[in-house]
Amino acid sequence: MDGPLTLGRSERCLGRFALYLLTGLGCLAGCTKEGTLPVAESPVPSQVAVEPEKDQPQQQPKASTCVSFADFQAHAALEPENTASAREQKEDQARLAYQQALRLDPHSVAAYTGLGRLYQAMGDHERALATFQKGLQACPKEAGLWFELGMCQAQAKSWPEAAQSLQTAVKLDPENRGYVKTLGFCLARAGQYDASVACLRNIMSEPEARYNVARMQHHNHEDPLCRENLEAALKVNPDYAPARQLLAELDSSTAAGVPNPPSAYSPITQVRYEVNAPPSPGGGQGSPTSKPNPATSPPPPSLDLLDSLIKK
């Protein structure tokens, strides 16, 4: 009986040993798998995945950059040494740059102003007018655009409409002396003489205001009204030389029985650059070339603008 009992006990011991061995190996395998450290990725694949620089989308320019380029080209187109083809090429480059600026920023006042002025310089009045009107739809409170619209309307001799646009500009920016001065002259050109004197007196003396209006009345062949304003100016300041000189010219022409014709005047398009001159390519402000006055006493500075508003 001892033999079979001993053999059965041995078999059971071997079975338990085999079970322990398998369990240990399983645990060892599990620990080894969980304890494996992550392997660092090679930098080579990430470098290969980067797209070449030439395939990356190009960055869009800023609207202000387009406007600066367009301003430069627009001024370059005005150079007298340009051939007709060179001028047209620069005008096209300026136009495209202004239009690109407006696509990038539909509220760019500088782009609307530059494009409208460019159309005026090209003689395209309808597109200039439409450009300023579109700009005011986007920026209705922008005094500068109202001023540009008024000057565009004045260029077409639409004096009542021009005066209305300029009045809006003055209402939005009442301290802008250039706007007030231009409005006063435009009112005189439209025949609203009393309103013109009242407007101009906000920025100049009464004798100077009346003299400016008198010059416009003289241009409009309304010499009796012209004389009234000159006499009123001299009543306030008897030593005001410009008024005395023009009154003497009226007296001499009346005595000779020959009407005193108005002088030749510079184009109205110069007014825009005197009152609201755009920056020149080299910096600073643009300005029109002033004409020498043959009078003994120099006229007021405002006469350059008045001359521009008077056309035969």
Protein backbone atom coordinates (compact mmCIF):
# COMPACT_ATOMS: atom_id res chain seq x y z
CA MET A 1 0.00 0.00 0.00
CA ASP A 2 2.90 2.37 0.53
CA GLY A 3 3.90 2.24 -3.19
CA PRO A 4 0.69 3.55 -4.82
CA LEU A 5 0.14 6.18 -2.11
CA THR A 6 3.64 7.53 -2.51
CA LEU A 7 3.28 7.69 -6.31
CA GLY A 8 0.00 9.62 -6.07
CA ARG A 9 1.53 12.18 -3.71
CA SER A 10 4.43 12.73 -6.11
CA GLU A 11 2.14 13.30 -9.07
CA ARG A 12 0.19 15.90 -7.13
CA CYS A 13 3.38 17.74 -6.19
CA LEU A 14 4.54 17.83 -9.80
CA GLY A 15 1.14 19.20 -10.90
CA ARG A 16 1.26 22.00 -8.37
CA PHE A 17 4.84 22.86 -9.38
CA ALA A 18 3.87 23.05 -13.04
CA LEU A 19 0.93 25.33 -12.18
CA TYR A 20 3.14 27.66 -10.15
CA LEU A 21 5.70 27.73 -12.94
CA LEU A 22 3.14 28.68 -15.60
CA THR A 23 1.58 31.34 -13.37
CA GLY A 24 4.99 32.90 -12.69
CA LEU A 25 5.93 32.94 -16.34
CA GLY A 26 2.60 34.62 -17.17
CA CYS A 27 3.16 37.34 -14.59
CA LEU A 28 6.72 37.84 -15.76
CA ALA A 29 5.53 38.25 -19.33
CA GLY A 30 2.84 40.75 -18.27
CA CYS A 31 5.25 42.84 -16.23
CA THR A 32 7.75 42.87 -19.04
CA LYS A 33 5.10 44.08 -21.51
CA GLU A 34 3.80 46.85 -19.24
CA GLY A 35 7.26 48.04 -18.28
CA THR A 36 8.50 48.55 -21.81
CA LEU A 37 9.68 52.17 -22.23
CA PRO A 38 8.39 54.13 -25.26
CA VAL A 39 10.89 54.50 -28.02
CA ALA A 40 11.57 58.06 -29.18
CA GLU A 41 10.39 58.76 -32.70
CA SER A 42 12.97 59.49 -35.30
CA PRO A 43 13.12 63.13 -36.35
CA VAL A 44 13.51 62.16 -39.99
CA PRO A 45 9.83 61.34 -40.72
CA SER A 46 8.64 64.71 -39.25
CA GLN A 47 11.08 66.59 -41.42
CA VAL A 48 9.87 64.77 -44.48
CA ALA A 49 6.23 65.58 -43.63
CA VAL A 50 6.82 69.37 -43.70
CA GLU A 51 5.59 70.87 -46.95
CA PRO A 52 8.12 72.75 -49.00
CA GLU A 53 7.98 76.52 -48.50
CA LYS A 54 7.10 77.13 -52.12
CA ASP A 55 3.88 75.10 -51.71
CA GLN A 56 2.64 77.17 -48.74
CA PRO A 57 -0.05 79.81 -49.49
CA GLN A 58 1.32 83.33 -49.86
CA GLN A 59 0.28 85.92 -47.29
CA GLN A 60 -2.12 88.60 -48.54
CA PRO A 61 -0.80 92.18 -48.43
CA LYS A 62 -2.46 94.69 -46.14
CA ALA A 63 -4.94 97.17 -47.55
CA SER A 64 -2.75 100.04 -46.39
CA THR A 65 0.18 98.61 -48.35
CA CYS A 66 -1.93 98.48 -51.51
CA VAL A 67 -3.03 102.08 -50.97
CA SER A 68 0.55 103.28 -50.51
CA PHE A 69 1.61 101.60 -53.74
CA ALA A 70 -1.43 102.98 -55.57
CA ASP A 71 -0.77 106.52 -54.29
CA PHE A 72 2.79 106.33 -55.56
CA GLN A 73 1.70 105.11 -59.00
CA ALA A 74 -1.07 107.70 -59.24
CA HIS A 75 1.37 110.52 -58.53
CA ALA A 76 3.93 109.03 -60.91
CA ALA A 77 1.31 109.03 -63.66
CA LEU A 78 1.07 112.82 -63.36
CA GLU A 79 4.74 113.39 -64.19
CA PRO A 80 4.95 115.52 -67.35
CA GLU A 81 7.74 113.45 -68.91
CA ASN A 82 5.48 110.37 -69.15
CA THR A 83 4.52 109.11 -72.56
CA ALA A 84 0.83 108.38 -73.10
CA SER A 85 1.38 104.63 -72.77
CA ALA A 86 3.51 105.03 -69.64
CA ARG A 87 0.90 107.25 -68.03
CA GLU A 88 -1.89 104.79 -68.82
CA GLN A 89 0.15 101.89 -67.45
CA LYS A 90 0.76 103.68 -64.15
CA GLU A 91 -2.88 104.70 -63.92
CA ASP A 92 -3.94 101.07 -64.42
CA GLN A 93 -1.49 99.87 -61.77
CA ALA A 94 -2.83 102.46 -59.35
CA ARG A 95 -6.44 101.55 -60.13
CA LEU A 96 -5.86 97.83 -59.60
CA ALA A 97 -4.05 98.46 -56.32
CA TYR A 98 -6.87 100.68 -55.01
CA GLN A 99 -9.44 98.06 -56.00
CA GLN A 100 -7.39 95.33 -54.30
CA ALA A 101 -7.28 97.45 -51.15
CA LEU A 102 -11.06 97.75 -51.18
CA ARG A 103 -11.43 93.99 -51.56
CA LEU A 104 -9.24 93.55 -48.49
CA ASP A 105 -10.93 96.36 -46.55
CA PRO A 106 -14.31 97.56 -47.87
CA HIS A 107 -14.18 100.45 -45.36
CA SER A 108 -10.83 101.89 -46.45
CA VAL A 109 -11.43 105.64 -46.72
CA ALA A 110 -7.96 106.14 -48.19
CA ALA A 111 -8.70 103.65 -50.99
CA TYR A 112 -12.04 105.27 -51.88
CA THR A 113 -10.42 108.71 -51.84
CA GLY A 114 -7.47 107.66 -53.96
CA LEU A 115 -9.55 105.75 -56.49
CA GLY A 116 -12.04 108.59 -56.88
CA ARG A 117 -9.26 111.12 -57.38
CA LEU A 118 -7.61 108.84 -59.91
CA TYR A 119 -10.81 108.63 -61.94
CA GLN A 120 -11.08 112.42 -61.84
CA ALA A 121 -7.52 112.78 -63.09
CA MET A 122 -8.37 110.36 -65.90
CA GLY A 123 -11.42 112.42 -66.82
CA ASP A 124 -13.87 109.67 -65.84
CA HIS A 125 -16.33 111.79 -63.87
CA GLU A 126 -19.08 109.16 -63.63
CA ARG A 127 -16.80 106.55 -62.06
CA ALA A 128 -15.32 109.14 -59.72
CA LEU A 129 -18.77 110.17 -58.54
CA ALA A 130 -19.84 106.53 -58.10
CA THR A 131 -16.67 105.77 -56.12
CA PHE A 132 -17.24 108.57 -53.61
CA GLN A 133 -20.91 107.66 -53.27
CA LYS A 134 -20.05 104.01 -52.64
CA GLY A 135 -17.49 105.08 -50.07
CA LEU A 136 -20.13 107.12 -48.25
CA GLN A 137 -22.44 104.11 -48.19
CA ALA A 138 -19.72 102.25 -46.29
CA CYS A 139 -18.57 105.25 -44.21
CA PRO A 140 -21.44 107.77 -44.00
CA LYS A 141 -19.82 109.75 -41.17
CA GLU A 142 -16.51 110.34 -42.97
CA ALA A 143 -16.20 114.10 -43.54
CA GLY A 144 -13.32 113.70 -45.98
CA LEU A 145 -15.42 111.63 -48.36
CA TRP A 146 -18.22 114.21 -48.28
CA PHE A 147 -15.65 116.85 -49.15
CA GLU A 148 -14.33 114.78 -52.06
CA LEU A 149 -17.87 114.22 -53.32
CA GLY A 150 -18.54 117.95 -53.15
CA MET A 151 -15.40 118.76 -55.13
CA CYS A 152 -16.31 116.13 -57.71
CA GLN A 153 -19.76 117.70 -58.08
CA ALA A 154 -18.22 121.17 -58.30
CA GLN A 155 -15.95 119.99 -61.08
CA ALA A 156 -19.09 119.12 -63.03
CA LYS A 157 -20.56 122.56 -62.13
CA SER A 158 -23.32 120.94 -60.07
CA TRP A 159 -23.10 123.81 -57.61
CA PRO A 160 -26.21 123.21 -55.45
CA GLU A 161 -25.31 119.53 -55.02
CA ALA A 162 -21.70 120.43 -54.31
CA ALA A 163 -22.71 122.97 -51.67
CA GLN A 164 -24.94 120.39 -49.98
CA SER A 165 -22.13 117.82 -49.83
CA LEU A 166 -19.68 120.39 -48.50
CA GLN A 167 -22.19 121.49 -45.86
CA THR A 168 -22.32 117.89 -44.65
CA ALA A 169 -18.53 117.78 -44.50
CA VAL A 170 -18.46 120.99 -42.43
CA LYS A 171 -21.19 119.65 -40.14
CA LEU A 172 -19.13 116.53 -39.45
CA ASP A 173 -15.87 118.46 -39.03
CA PRO A 174 -16.72 122.09 -38.20
CA GLU A 175 -13.16 122.99 -37.20
CA ASN A 176 -11.70 122.13 -40.61
CA ARG A 177 -10.95 125.55 -42.08
CA GLY A 178 -10.34 124.13 -45.52
CA TYR A 179 -13.84 122.65 -45.62
CA VAL A 180 -15.40 125.92 -44.41
CA LYS A 181 -13.45 127.98 -46.94
CA THR A 182 -14.38 125.72 -49.84
CA LEU A 183 -18.03 125.73 -48.80
CA GLY A 184 -18.06 129.53 -48.69
CA PHE A 185 -16.61 129.83 -52.18
CA CYS A 186 -18.94 127.16 -53.52
CA LEU A 187 -21.95 129.02 -52.11
CA ALA A 188 -20.75 132.16 -53.86
CA ARG A 189 -20.31 130.26 -57.11
CA ALA A 190 -23.87 128.99 -56.72
CA GLY A 191 -25.12 132.57 -56.33
CA GLN A 192 -25.86 132.29 -52.59
CA TYR A 193 -23.87 135.43 -51.77
CA ASP A 194 -25.21 136.26 -48.32
CA ALA A 195 -24.73 132.69 -47.15
CA SER A 196 -21.23 132.76 -48.61
CA VAL A 197 -20.25 135.91 -46.70
CA ALA A 198 -21.65 134.46 -43.47
CA CYS A 199 -19.74 131.21 -43.99
CA LEU A 200 -16.42 132.86 -44.85
CA ARG A 201 -16.60 135.22 -41.88
CA ASN A 202 -16.14 132.17 -39.65
CA ILE A 203 -12.53 131.84 -40.81
CA MET A 204 -11.53 135.33 -42.08
CA SER A 205 -12.20 139.01 -41.56
CA GLU A 206 -15.32 140.65 -42.94
CA PRO A 207 -13.41 142.75 -45.52
CA GLU A 208 -11.65 139.65 -46.84
CA ALA A 209 -14.89 137.66 -46.93
CA ARG A 210 -16.73 140.38 -48.82
CA TYR A 211 -13.83 140.85 -51.22
CA ASN A 212 -13.80 137.12 -52.05
CA VAL A 213 -17.53 137.14 -52.70
CA ALA A 214 -17.18 140.34 -54.75
CA ARG A 215 -14.65 138.65 -57.01
CA MET A 216 -17.10 135.84 -57.64
CA GLN A 217 -19.87 138.34 -58.35
CA HIS A 218 -17.58 140.12 -60.79
CA HIS A 219 -16.93 136.82 -62.54
CA ASN A 220 -20.67 136.20 -62.73
CA HIS A 221 -21.07 139.64 -64.40
CA GLU A 222 -22.96 141.03 -61.43
CA ASP A 223 -20.90 144.19 -61.01
CA PRO A 224 -23.53 146.19 -59.07
CA LEU A 225 -23.55 143.51 -56.36
CA CYS A 226 -19.77 143.29 -56.59
CA ARG A 227 -19.49 147.03 -55.94
CA GLU A 228 -21.79 146.79 -52.91
CA ASN A 229 -19.59 144.17 -51.26
CA LEU A 230 -16.41 146.09 -52.05
CA GLU A 231 -17.81 149.27 -50.55
CA ALA A 232 -18.98 147.34 -47.49
CA ALA A 233 -15.49 145.86 -47.11
CA LEU A 234 -13.88 149.31 -47.31
CA LYS A 235 -16.37 150.68 -44.82
CA VAL A 236 -15.04 148.20 -42.26
CA ASN A 237 -11.39 148.67 -43.29
CA PRO A 238 -10.69 151.64 -45.60
CA ASP A 239 -7.09 150.49 -46.04
CA TYR A 240 -7.94 147.05 -47.39
CA ALA A 241 -5.90 147.21 -50.61
CA PRO A 242 -7.40 144.30 -52.62
CA ALA A 243 -10.90 145.78 -52.33
CA ARG A 244 -9.69 149.27 -53.28
CA GLN A 245 -7.88 147.90 -56.33
CA LEU A 246 -10.85 145.91 -57.66
CA LEU A 247 -13.16 148.86 -57.05
CA ALA A 248 -10.79 151.09 -59.02
CA GLU A 249 -10.85 148.59 -61.90
CA LEU A 250 -14.64 148.67 -61.90
CA ASP A 251 -14.64 152.47 -61.93
CA SER A 252 -12.17 152.64 -64.82
CA SER A 253 -14.07 150.13 -66.92
CA THR A 254 -17.35 151.92 -66.25
CA ALA A 255 -15.86 155.27 -67.25
CA ALA A 256 -14.48 153.79 -70.46
CA GLY A 257 -17.75 152.05 -71.23
CA VAL A 258 -15.97 148.72 -71.56
CA PRO A 259 -16.94 145.80 -69.32
CA ASN A 260 -14.11 144.52 -67.19
CA PRO A 261 -13.70 140.84 -68.16
CA PRO A 262 -12.86 138.29 -65.49
CA SER A 263 -9.32 136.99 -65.42
CA ALA A 264 -8.33 133.53 -66.52
CA TYR A 265 -8.38 131.05 -63.65
CA SER A 266 -6.70 127.80 -62.85
CA PRO A 267 -8.56 124.47 -63.07
CA ILE A 268 -10.88 123.45 -60.30
CA THR A 269 -9.10 120.12 -59.94
CA GLN A 270 -6.30 121.88 -58.04
CA VAL A 271 -8.58 122.74 -55.14
CA ARG A 272 -8.61 119.19 -53.87
CA TYR A 273 -4.86 119.10 -53.39
CA GLU A 274 -4.71 122.50 -51.71
CA VAL A 275 -7.33 121.79 -49.09
CA ASN A 276 -6.87 118.08 -48.54
CA ALA A 277 -3.58 117.19 -50.18
CA PRO A 278 -2.60 113.49 -50.20
CA PRO A 279 0.86 112.45 -49.04
CA SER A 280 3.48 112.54 -51.73
CA PRO A 281 5.68 109.47 -52.36
CA GLY A 282 8.59 111.11 -50.56
CA GLY A 283 6.51 112.20 -47.60
CA GLY A 284 4.90 115.52 -46.78
CA GLN A 285 1.89 117.08 -48.43
CA GLY A 286 1.30 117.88 -52.06
CA SER A 287 0.48 121.46 -53.02
CA PRO A 288 -0.49 123.21 -56.22
CA THR A 289 1.78 125.64 -57.94
CA SER A 290 0.62 129.14 -57.01
CA LYS A 291 0.43 131.77 -59.70
CA PRO A 292 2.05 135.17 -59.14
CA ASN A 293 -0.44 138.00 -58.68
CA PRO A 294 0.26 141.22 -60.52
CA ALA A 295 -1.36 143.36 -57.84
CA THR A 296 0.82 145.67 -55.80
CA SER A 297 -0.58 144.31 -52.56
CA PRO A 298 -0.59 140.50 -52.37
CA PRO A 299 -4.11 139.05 -52.23
CA PRO A 300 -5.26 136.84 -49.37
CA PRO A 301 -4.07 133.20 -49.51
CA SER A 302 -7.66 132.08 -49.99
CA LEU A 303 -7.71 133.49 -53.51
CA ASP A 304 -5.84 130.49 -54.89
CA LEU A 305 -8.85 128.39 -53.95
CA LEU A 306 -11.28 131.01 -55.21
CA ASP A 307 -9.51 131.14 -58.56
CA SER A 308 -9.87 127.38 -58.82
CA LEU A 309 -13.61 127.54 -58.27
CA ILE A 310 -14.13 130.17 -60.96
CA LYS A 311 -14.18 128.90 -64.53
CA LYS A 312 -15.17 130.67 -67.71
